[in-house]
Amino acid sequence: MSGRGKGLESICEAWLRGTGACWFRNEPKMQGKRRVKGGTPDYTALKGGVPHLIECKDGSGASLRLGCLEAPPNEKKPPAGISPAQAEMLDACEREGGRGWVLARLSGPAGEVTALIPWAKWRGWLAAGLRSATPEMLAEAGDAAWQEGRLPGAAESPESFRRT
C-alpha cells in the first residue's frame, strides 16, 4: 500500500473501533507490489443492521479532487478521487438500504479539515460537474456523527440519505 492516506485510514480505524460497529478493511487487490484496479471502498461496517461503505480521501492544498461517476472516454485515466467503480459500489450499497460515506481530509494553508461526507452529497457534487471541494465545502457537508464518534444505525436513518 502507498503511504498516502495511511494516516487518514488509521484515524478512520480508531473512529470505527469507538463506534461499536462490526467493521473490516477492504484490502486492495495487489499484483506483486502494484495495486490492481478495483472498486471496493476502503471499509465495510455494520451498525444497527445497516451496512456502511466508507472510502477515505486525503489531500493537501486549496481543494480536494472529487473523482468522477463515469469512466472517461477513450480509456483515459480517471481523475483523482472517487473512481467510477467505487461510485458504482457506493450507489449499489445505498440502493440496497445501506449508506455510503467519504471520509475526507484536506490539509492546506488555512489549516486541516476532516469530515465524514454522506455519499449522496459527494455524488451530488460530481453530478453537478464539480471536480474539487474546498475546506469550507467539506466542513459544511460533514455529518455530525464524525465529531460525535458514532456511526448512524437503523434507528437514525434520515430521509436525506435515501436516493430516489
N, C-alpha and C. Protein backbone atom coordinates (compact mmCIF):
# COMPACT_ATOMS: atom_id res chain seq x y z
N MET A 1 0.82 -1.17 0.00
CA MET A 1 0.00 0.00 0.00
C MET A 1 0.87 1.24 0.00
N SER A 2 0.45 2.27 -0.68
CA SER A 2 1.22 3.51 -0.68
C SER A 2 1.04 4.21 0.66
N GLY A 3 1.96 5.11 0.98
CA GLY A 3 1.89 5.83 2.24
C GLY A 3 0.80 6.88 2.26
N ARG A 4 0.41 7.38 1.09
CA ARG A 4 -0.60 8.44 1.04
C ARG A 4 -1.93 7.91 1.54
N GLY A 5 -2.52 8.59 2.48
CA GLY A 5 -3.81 8.19 3.01
C GLY A 5 -3.73 7.26 4.20
N LYS A 6 -2.54 6.71 4.48
CA LYS A 6 -2.42 5.76 5.59
C LYS A 6 -2.75 6.43 6.92
N GLY A 7 -2.36 7.69 7.10
CA GLY A 7 -2.69 8.38 8.34
C GLY A 7 -4.18 8.54 8.52
N LEU A 8 -4.87 8.88 7.44
CA LEU A 8 -6.33 9.02 7.50
C LEU A 8 -6.98 7.68 7.75
N GLU A 9 -6.45 6.62 7.17
CA GLU A 9 -7.01 5.28 7.41
C GLU A 9 -6.84 4.87 8.86
N SER A 10 -5.72 5.22 9.48
CA SER A 10 -5.53 4.93 10.91
C SER A 10 -6.56 5.69 11.75
N ILE A 11 -6.82 6.93 11.38
CA ILE A 11 -7.82 7.73 12.08
C ILE A 11 -9.20 7.11 11.90
N CYS A 12 -9.51 6.67 10.69
CA CYS A 12 -10.80 6.03 10.41
C CYS A 12 -10.97 4.76 11.25
N GLU A 13 -9.91 3.96 11.33
CA GLU A 13 -9.99 2.72 12.10
C GLU A 13 -10.19 3.00 13.58
N ALA A 14 -9.53 4.00 14.12
CA ALA A 14 -9.72 4.36 15.53
C ALA A 14 -11.16 4.81 15.77
N TRP A 15 -11.70 5.60 14.84
CA TRP A 15 -13.09 6.06 14.95
C TRP A 15 -14.04 4.87 14.87
N LEU A 16 -13.83 3.97 13.90
CA LEU A 16 -14.70 2.81 13.77
C LEU A 16 -14.68 1.93 15.02
N ARG A 17 -13.50 1.74 15.61
CA ARG A 17 -13.42 0.96 16.86
C ARG A 17 -14.29 1.58 17.94
N GLY A 18 -14.32 2.89 18.01
CA GLY A 18 -15.10 3.59 19.03
C GLY A 18 -16.60 3.58 18.79
N THR A 19 -17.04 3.28 17.57
CA THR A 19 -18.48 3.31 17.27
C THR A 19 -19.20 2.05 17.72
N GLY A 20 -18.47 0.98 17.99
CA GLY A 20 -19.10 -0.28 18.34
C GLY A 20 -19.59 -1.06 17.13
N ALA A 21 -19.29 -0.58 15.94
CA ALA A 21 -19.70 -1.27 14.71
C ALA A 21 -18.83 -2.50 14.47
N CYS A 22 -19.37 -3.45 13.75
CA CYS A 22 -18.59 -4.56 13.22
C CYS A 22 -18.02 -4.05 11.90
N TRP A 23 -16.71 -4.06 11.74
CA TRP A 23 -16.12 -3.48 10.54
C TRP A 23 -14.88 -4.24 10.11
N PHE A 24 -14.51 -4.03 8.86
CA PHE A 24 -13.25 -4.58 8.35
C PHE A 24 -12.76 -3.72 7.21
N ARG A 25 -11.45 -3.81 6.97
CA ARG A 25 -10.81 -3.08 5.88
C ARG A 25 -10.88 -3.93 4.63
N ASN A 26 -11.26 -3.32 3.54
CA ASN A 26 -11.26 -3.98 2.24
C ASN A 26 -9.90 -3.74 1.61
N GLU A 27 -9.02 -4.70 1.74
CA GLU A 27 -7.67 -4.55 1.20
C GLU A 27 -7.71 -4.51 -0.32
N PRO A 28 -6.96 -3.61 -0.93
CA PRO A 28 -6.94 -3.54 -2.39
C PRO A 28 -6.27 -4.79 -2.98
N LYS A 29 -6.73 -5.19 -4.14
CA LYS A 29 -6.11 -6.31 -4.83
C LYS A 29 -4.73 -5.87 -5.30
N MET A 30 -3.76 -6.73 -5.06
CA MET A 30 -2.38 -6.41 -5.43
C MET A 30 -1.84 -7.46 -6.39
N GLN A 31 -0.95 -7.04 -7.26
CA GLN A 31 -0.21 -7.93 -8.13
C GLN A 31 1.25 -7.59 -7.88
N GLY A 32 1.88 -8.39 -7.04
CA GLY A 32 3.21 -8.03 -6.58
C GLY A 32 3.08 -6.85 -5.65
N LYS A 33 3.80 -5.78 -5.96
CA LYS A 33 3.71 -4.56 -5.14
C LYS A 33 2.85 -3.50 -5.79
N ARG A 34 2.17 -3.86 -6.86
CA ARG A 34 1.34 -2.89 -7.58
C ARG A 34 -0.13 -3.15 -7.32
N ARG A 35 -0.86 -2.07 -7.08
CA ARG A 35 -2.29 -2.15 -6.86
C ARG A 35 -3.01 -2.43 -8.18
N VAL A 36 -3.91 -3.39 -8.16
CA VAL A 36 -4.71 -3.73 -9.33
C VAL A 36 -5.99 -2.91 -9.27
N LYS A 37 -6.45 -2.47 -10.41
CA LYS A 37 -7.66 -1.65 -10.46
C LYS A 37 -8.79 -2.36 -9.72
N GLY A 38 -9.46 -1.63 -8.85
CA GLY A 38 -10.57 -2.19 -8.08
C GLY A 38 -11.59 -1.12 -7.79
N GLY A 39 -12.66 -1.52 -7.15
CA GLY A 39 -13.72 -0.56 -6.91
C GLY A 39 -14.33 -0.62 -5.54
N THR A 40 -13.77 -1.40 -4.65
CA THR A 40 -14.36 -1.51 -3.33
C THR A 40 -13.85 -0.38 -2.44
N PRO A 41 -14.75 0.36 -1.78
CA PRO A 41 -14.30 1.38 -0.84
C PRO A 41 -13.43 0.77 0.27
N ASP A 42 -12.72 1.61 0.99
CA ASP A 42 -11.73 1.17 1.96
C ASP A 42 -12.28 0.33 3.11
N TYR A 43 -13.48 0.65 3.59
CA TYR A 43 -14.03 -0.05 4.76
C TYR A 43 -15.48 -0.45 4.56
N THR A 44 -15.83 -1.56 5.19
CA THR A 44 -17.22 -2.01 5.30
C THR A 44 -17.52 -2.09 6.79
N ALA A 45 -18.65 -1.52 7.20
CA ALA A 45 -19.05 -1.56 8.60
C ALA A 45 -20.52 -1.93 8.68
N LEU A 46 -20.90 -2.55 9.79
CA LEU A 46 -22.29 -2.89 10.04
C LEU A 46 -22.65 -2.33 11.41
N LYS A 47 -23.67 -1.47 11.44
CA LYS A 47 -24.10 -0.85 12.69
C LYS A 47 -25.62 -0.76 12.68
N GLY A 48 -26.26 -1.30 13.71
CA GLY A 48 -27.71 -1.24 13.81
C GLY A 48 -28.41 -1.92 12.65
N GLY A 49 -27.80 -2.94 12.09
CA GLY A 49 -28.39 -3.65 10.96
C GLY A 49 -28.23 -2.95 9.63
N VAL A 50 -27.48 -1.86 9.61
CA VAL A 50 -27.28 -1.08 8.38
C VAL A 50 -25.84 -1.24 7.90
N PRO A 51 -25.65 -1.67 6.64
CA PRO A 51 -24.29 -1.73 6.11
C PRO A 51 -23.82 -0.34 5.68
N HIS A 52 -22.54 -0.08 5.90
CA HIS A 52 -21.93 1.19 5.54
C HIS A 52 -20.66 0.89 4.74
N LEU A 53 -20.45 1.62 3.65
CA LEU A 53 -19.19 1.59 2.92
C LEU A 53 -18.54 2.94 3.10
N ILE A 54 -17.24 2.93 3.42
CA ILE A 54 -16.52 4.17 3.69
C ILE A 54 -15.24 4.20 2.85
N GLU A 55 -15.11 5.25 2.06
CA GLU A 55 -13.90 5.47 1.27
C GLU A 55 -13.16 6.66 1.87
N CYS A 56 -11.85 6.53 2.07
CA CYS A 56 -11.02 7.61 2.62
C CYS A 56 -10.32 8.35 1.49
N LYS A 57 -10.40 9.68 1.54
CA LYS A 57 -9.72 10.52 0.56
C LYS A 57 -8.95 11.60 1.29
N ASP A 58 -7.65 11.66 1.04
CA ASP A 58 -6.76 12.57 1.74
C ASP A 58 -6.07 13.46 0.71
N GLY A 59 -5.93 14.73 1.01
CA GLY A 59 -5.25 15.61 0.08
C GLY A 59 -4.66 16.82 0.77
N SER A 60 -3.88 17.56 0.01
CA SER A 60 -3.30 18.80 0.53
C SER A 60 -3.44 19.87 -0.53
N GLY A 61 -3.49 21.11 -0.06
CA GLY A 61 -3.64 22.23 -0.97
C GLY A 61 -4.93 22.97 -0.71
N ALA A 62 -5.38 23.70 -1.72
CA ALA A 62 -6.56 24.54 -1.57
C ALA A 62 -7.86 23.77 -1.76
N SER A 63 -7.80 22.59 -2.42
CA SER A 63 -9.02 21.81 -2.64
C SER A 63 -8.68 20.33 -2.78
N LEU A 64 -9.70 19.51 -2.63
CA LEU A 64 -9.57 18.05 -2.71
C LEU A 64 -10.28 17.57 -3.97
N ARG A 65 -9.59 16.77 -4.78
CA ARG A 65 -10.19 16.23 -6.01
C ARG A 65 -11.32 15.29 -5.65
N LEU A 66 -12.46 15.40 -6.34
CA LEU A 66 -13.64 14.59 -6.04
C LEU A 66 -13.68 13.27 -6.79
N GLY A 67 -13.14 13.20 -8.01
CA GLY A 67 -13.19 11.99 -8.81
C GLY A 67 -14.20 12.12 -9.93
N CYS A 68 -14.85 10.99 -10.27
CA CYS A 68 -15.85 11.02 -11.34
C CYS A 68 -16.82 9.85 -11.18
N LEU A 69 -17.99 9.99 -11.79
CA LEU A 69 -19.02 8.94 -11.73
C LEU A 69 -18.89 7.93 -12.85
N GLU A 70 -18.38 8.38 -13.99
CA GLU A 70 -18.25 7.52 -15.16
C GLU A 70 -16.82 7.57 -15.68
N ALA A 71 -16.39 6.46 -16.25
CA ALA A 71 -15.04 6.39 -16.81
C ALA A 71 -14.92 7.37 -17.97
N PRO A 72 -13.78 8.05 -18.06
CA PRO A 72 -13.56 8.96 -19.19
C PRO A 72 -13.53 8.18 -20.51
N PRO A 73 -13.91 8.83 -21.60
CA PRO A 73 -13.88 8.14 -22.89
C PRO A 73 -12.45 7.82 -23.33
N ASN A 74 -12.35 6.91 -24.26
CA ASN A 74 -11.07 6.53 -24.87
C ASN A 74 -10.08 5.95 -23.86
N GLU A 75 -10.58 5.31 -22.84
CA GLU A 75 -9.76 4.64 -21.83
C GLU A 75 -8.74 5.55 -21.17
N LYS A 76 -9.05 6.83 -21.08
CA LYS A 76 -8.18 7.75 -20.36
C LYS A 76 -8.25 7.43 -18.87
N LYS A 77 -7.20 7.80 -18.15
CA LYS A 77 -7.16 7.56 -16.71
C LYS A 77 -8.16 8.49 -16.03
N PRO A 78 -9.00 7.96 -15.11
CA PRO A 78 -9.94 8.83 -14.39
C PRO A 78 -9.20 9.81 -13.49
N PRO A 79 -9.81 10.94 -13.18
CA PRO A 79 -9.16 11.90 -12.29
C PRO A 79 -9.05 11.33 -10.87
N ALA A 80 -8.19 11.93 -10.07
CA ALA A 80 -8.03 11.52 -8.69
C ALA A 80 -9.35 11.71 -7.94
N GLY A 81 -9.54 10.92 -6.90
CA GLY A 81 -10.76 10.98 -6.10
C GLY A 81 -11.52 9.67 -6.22
N ILE A 82 -12.82 9.73 -6.10
CA ILE A 82 -13.66 8.54 -6.22
C ILE A 82 -13.60 8.01 -7.64
N SER A 83 -13.31 6.72 -7.78
CA SER A 83 -13.27 6.11 -9.11
C SER A 83 -14.68 5.73 -9.55
N PRO A 84 -14.90 5.57 -10.85
CA PRO A 84 -16.21 5.13 -11.31
C PRO A 84 -16.64 3.81 -10.68
N ALA A 85 -15.71 2.89 -10.48
CA ALA A 85 -16.05 1.61 -9.85
C ALA A 85 -16.46 1.80 -8.39
N GLN A 86 -15.79 2.69 -7.67
CA GLN A 86 -16.18 2.97 -6.29
C GLN A 86 -17.55 3.63 -6.25
N ALA A 87 -17.81 4.56 -7.17
CA ALA A 87 -19.11 5.22 -7.25
C ALA A 87 -20.21 4.18 -7.47
N GLU A 88 -19.96 3.24 -8.35
CA GLU A 88 -20.94 2.19 -8.64
C GLU A 88 -21.22 1.35 -7.38
N MET A 89 -20.16 1.01 -6.64
CA MET A 89 -20.32 0.21 -5.42
C MET A 89 -21.07 1.00 -4.35
N LEU A 90 -20.75 2.28 -4.18
CA LEU A 90 -21.45 3.11 -3.19
C LEU A 90 -22.92 3.28 -3.57
N ASP A 91 -23.20 3.47 -4.85
CA ASP A 91 -24.59 3.56 -5.32
C ASP A 91 -25.35 2.26 -5.02
N ALA A 92 -24.73 1.13 -5.30
CA ALA A 92 -25.38 -0.17 -5.06
C ALA A 92 -25.67 -0.36 -3.58
N CYS A 93 -24.75 0.02 -2.72
CA CYS A 93 -24.95 -0.10 -1.28
C CYS A 93 -26.17 0.71 -0.85
N GLU A 94 -26.27 1.95 -1.30
CA GLU A 94 -27.40 2.79 -0.92
C GLU A 94 -28.70 2.31 -1.53
N ARG A 95 -28.64 1.79 -2.75
CA ARG A 95 -29.85 1.24 -3.38
C ARG A 95 -30.44 0.10 -2.55
N GLU A 96 -29.57 -0.65 -1.88
CA GLU A 96 -29.99 -1.80 -1.09
C GLU A 96 -30.24 -1.46 0.38
N GLY A 97 -30.33 -0.17 0.70
CA GLY A 97 -30.66 0.24 2.06
C GLY A 97 -29.48 0.56 2.94
N GLY A 98 -28.27 0.48 2.41
CA GLY A 98 -27.08 0.82 3.18
C GLY A 98 -26.73 2.29 3.03
N ARG A 99 -25.58 2.63 3.56
CA ARG A 99 -25.11 4.01 3.49
C ARG A 99 -23.70 4.05 2.96
N GLY A 100 -23.43 5.04 2.16
CA GLY A 100 -22.09 5.28 1.65
C GLY A 100 -21.55 6.57 2.24
N TRP A 101 -20.25 6.58 2.48
CA TRP A 101 -19.59 7.73 3.09
C TRP A 101 -18.23 7.95 2.44
N VAL A 102 -17.78 9.19 2.46
CA VAL A 102 -16.41 9.52 2.10
C VAL A 102 -15.82 10.25 3.30
N LEU A 103 -14.80 9.66 3.88
CA LEU A 103 -14.07 10.33 4.96
C LEU A 103 -12.97 11.13 4.28
N ALA A 104 -13.11 12.44 4.29
CA ALA A 104 -12.21 13.32 3.55
C ALA A 104 -11.39 14.18 4.50
N ARG A 105 -10.10 14.28 4.18
CA ARG A 105 -9.22 15.17 4.93
C ARG A 105 -8.47 16.04 3.93
N LEU A 106 -8.46 17.32 4.21
CA LEU A 106 -7.75 18.27 3.35
C LEU A 106 -6.88 19.15 4.24
N SER A 107 -5.59 19.11 3.98
CA SER A 107 -4.63 19.95 4.70
C SER A 107 -4.14 21.04 3.75
N GLY A 108 -4.27 22.27 4.19
CA GLY A 108 -3.85 23.38 3.32
C GLY A 108 -3.40 24.57 4.11
N PRO A 109 -3.21 25.68 3.42
CA PRO A 109 -2.71 26.90 4.06
C PRO A 109 -3.62 27.38 5.19
N ALA A 110 -4.91 27.12 5.09
CA ALA A 110 -5.86 27.60 6.10
C ALA A 110 -6.02 26.61 7.26
N GLY A 111 -5.30 25.51 7.22
CA GLY A 111 -5.42 24.50 8.28
C GLY A 111 -5.87 23.16 7.72
N GLU A 112 -6.43 22.35 8.60
CA GLU A 112 -6.85 21.00 8.19
C GLU A 112 -8.32 20.79 8.52
N VAL A 113 -9.01 20.14 7.59
CA VAL A 113 -10.42 19.78 7.77
C VAL A 113 -10.55 18.28 7.55
N THR A 114 -11.21 17.60 8.49
CA THR A 114 -11.55 16.20 8.32
C THR A 114 -13.06 16.10 8.49
N ALA A 115 -13.73 15.48 7.51
CA ALA A 115 -15.19 15.42 7.55
C ALA A 115 -15.68 14.09 6.98
N LEU A 116 -16.74 13.58 7.57
CA LEU A 116 -17.43 12.39 7.09
C LEU A 116 -18.58 12.87 6.22
N ILE A 117 -18.43 12.71 4.90
CA ILE A 117 -19.39 13.24 3.94
C ILE A 117 -20.32 12.12 3.47
N PRO A 118 -21.64 12.31 3.58
CA PRO A 118 -22.56 11.31 3.03
C PRO A 118 -22.31 11.15 1.52
N TRP A 119 -22.36 9.91 1.05
CA TRP A 119 -22.14 9.64 -0.37
C TRP A 119 -23.13 10.43 -1.23
N ALA A 120 -24.37 10.56 -0.79
CA ALA A 120 -25.36 11.29 -1.59
C ALA A 120 -24.90 12.73 -1.84
N LYS A 121 -24.25 13.35 -0.87
CA LYS A 121 -23.76 14.72 -1.03
C LYS A 121 -22.58 14.75 -2.01
N TRP A 122 -21.60 13.83 -1.79
CA TRP A 122 -20.43 13.77 -2.66
C TRP A 122 -20.86 13.49 -4.10
N ARG A 123 -21.79 12.53 -4.25
CA ARG A 123 -22.30 12.17 -5.57
C ARG A 123 -22.98 13.37 -6.23
N GLY A 124 -23.72 14.14 -5.42
CA GLY A 124 -24.38 15.35 -5.94
C GLY A 124 -23.38 16.35 -6.49
N TRP A 125 -22.26 16.50 -5.78
CA TRP A 125 -21.22 17.40 -6.28
C TRP A 125 -20.72 16.92 -7.64
N LEU A 126 -20.46 15.62 -7.75
CA LEU A 126 -19.97 15.07 -9.02
C LEU A 126 -21.01 15.23 -10.13
N ALA A 127 -22.27 14.92 -9.80
CA ALA A 127 -23.34 15.02 -10.80
C ALA A 127 -23.53 16.47 -11.27
N ALA A 128 -23.22 17.42 -10.40
CA ALA A 128 -23.33 18.84 -10.76
C ALA A 128 -22.12 19.34 -11.55
N GLY A 129 -21.14 18.47 -11.76
CA GLY A 129 -19.97 18.85 -12.55
C GLY A 129 -18.81 19.40 -11.74
N LEU A 130 -18.92 19.39 -10.42
CA LEU A 130 -17.80 19.86 -9.60
C LEU A 130 -16.67 18.84 -9.66
N ARG A 131 -15.45 19.31 -9.64
CA ARG A 131 -14.29 18.42 -9.72
C ARG A 131 -13.45 18.44 -8.46
N SER A 132 -13.67 19.46 -7.61
CA SER A 132 -12.92 19.53 -6.37
C SER A 132 -13.75 20.22 -5.30
N ALA A 133 -13.37 19.98 -4.03
CA ALA A 133 -14.09 20.56 -2.90
C ALA A 133 -13.11 21.38 -2.06
N THR A 134 -13.57 22.51 -1.60
CA THR A 134 -12.77 23.38 -0.74
C THR A 134 -12.92 22.93 0.72
N PRO A 135 -12.06 23.41 1.59
CA PRO A 135 -12.21 23.07 3.01
C PRO A 135 -13.58 23.48 3.55
N GLU A 136 -14.08 24.62 3.11
CA GLU A 136 -15.38 25.10 3.58
C GLU A 136 -16.50 24.14 3.15
N MET A 137 -16.44 23.66 1.92
CA MET A 137 -17.45 22.71 1.43
C MET A 137 -17.43 21.43 2.26
N LEU A 138 -16.23 20.93 2.53
CA LEU A 138 -16.10 19.69 3.30
C LEU A 138 -16.66 19.88 4.71
N ALA A 139 -16.28 20.98 5.36
CA ALA A 139 -16.74 21.23 6.73
C ALA A 139 -18.26 21.36 6.78
N GLU A 140 -18.83 22.07 5.82
CA GLU A 140 -20.28 22.27 5.79
C GLU A 140 -21.04 20.98 5.53
N ALA A 141 -20.49 20.11 4.69
CA ALA A 141 -21.19 18.88 4.30
C ALA A 141 -20.99 17.73 5.28
N GLY A 142 -20.03 17.88 6.20
CA GLY A 142 -19.70 16.80 7.12
C GLY A 142 -20.85 16.42 8.04
N ASP A 143 -21.01 15.14 8.30
CA ASP A 143 -22.04 14.62 9.19
C ASP A 143 -21.56 14.74 10.64
N ALA A 144 -22.46 15.10 11.53
CA ALA A 144 -22.12 15.26 12.95
C ALA A 144 -21.65 13.95 13.58
N ALA A 145 -21.99 12.82 12.99
CA ALA A 145 -21.59 11.53 13.55
C ALA A 145 -20.08 11.44 13.71
N TRP A 146 -19.34 12.05 12.81
CA TRP A 146 -17.87 12.01 12.88
C TRP A 146 -17.40 12.69 14.16
N GLN A 147 -17.88 13.89 14.42
CA GLN A 147 -17.47 14.63 15.62
C GLN A 147 -17.95 13.95 16.90
N GLU A 148 -19.09 13.27 16.81
CA GLU A 148 -19.68 12.62 17.98
C GLU A 148 -19.15 11.21 18.20
N GLY A 149 -18.29 10.71 17.31
CA GLY A 149 -17.70 9.39 17.46
C GLY A 149 -18.69 8.26 17.31
N ARG A 150 -19.66 8.43 16.42
CA ARG A 150 -20.65 7.37 16.22
C ARG A 150 -20.86 7.11 14.73
N LEU A 151 -21.44 5.99 14.43
CA LEU A 151 -21.81 5.63 13.06
C LEU A 151 -23.32 5.44 13.07
N PRO A 152 -24.08 6.22 12.30
CA PRO A 152 -25.53 6.11 12.35
C PRO A 152 -26.01 4.70 12.02
N GLY A 153 -26.95 4.20 12.81
CA GLY A 153 -27.53 2.88 12.59
C GLY A 153 -28.94 2.98 12.07
N ALA A 154 -29.68 1.88 12.12
CA ALA A 154 -31.03 1.80 11.56
C ALA A 154 -31.98 2.80 12.20
N ALA A 155 -31.85 3.04 13.50
CA ALA A 155 -32.75 3.96 14.19
C ALA A 155 -32.50 5.42 13.81
N GLU A 156 -31.38 5.68 13.13
CA GLU A 156 -31.01 7.05 12.77
C GLU A 156 -30.96 7.20 11.25
N SER A 157 -31.99 6.77 10.56
CA SER A 157 -32.00 6.79 9.10
C SER A 157 -32.76 7.99 8.57
N PRO A 158 -32.14 9.17 8.53
CA PRO A 158 -32.84 10.33 7.98
C PRO A 158 -33.13 10.14 6.50
N GLU A 159 -34.23 10.67 6.07
CA GLU A 159 -34.64 10.54 4.67
C GLU A 159 -33.63 11.17 3.71
N SER A 160 -32.83 12.10 4.20
CA SER A 160 -31.87 12.78 3.33
C SER A 160 -30.82 11.81 2.76
N PHE A 161 -30.68 10.63 3.37
CA PHE A 161 -29.70 9.67 2.88
C PHE A 161 -30.29 8.77 1.79
N ARG A 162 -31.56 8.81 1.58
CA ARG A 162 -32.19 7.94 0.59
C ARG A 162 -32.14 8.60 -0.78
N ARG A 163 -31.63 7.89 -1.74
CA ARG A 163 -31.61 8.38 -3.12
C ARG A 163 -32.85 7.89 -3.81
N THR A 164 -33.40 8.71 -4.68
CA THR A 164 -34.56 8.28 -5.45
C THR A 164 -34.18 8.10 -6.88
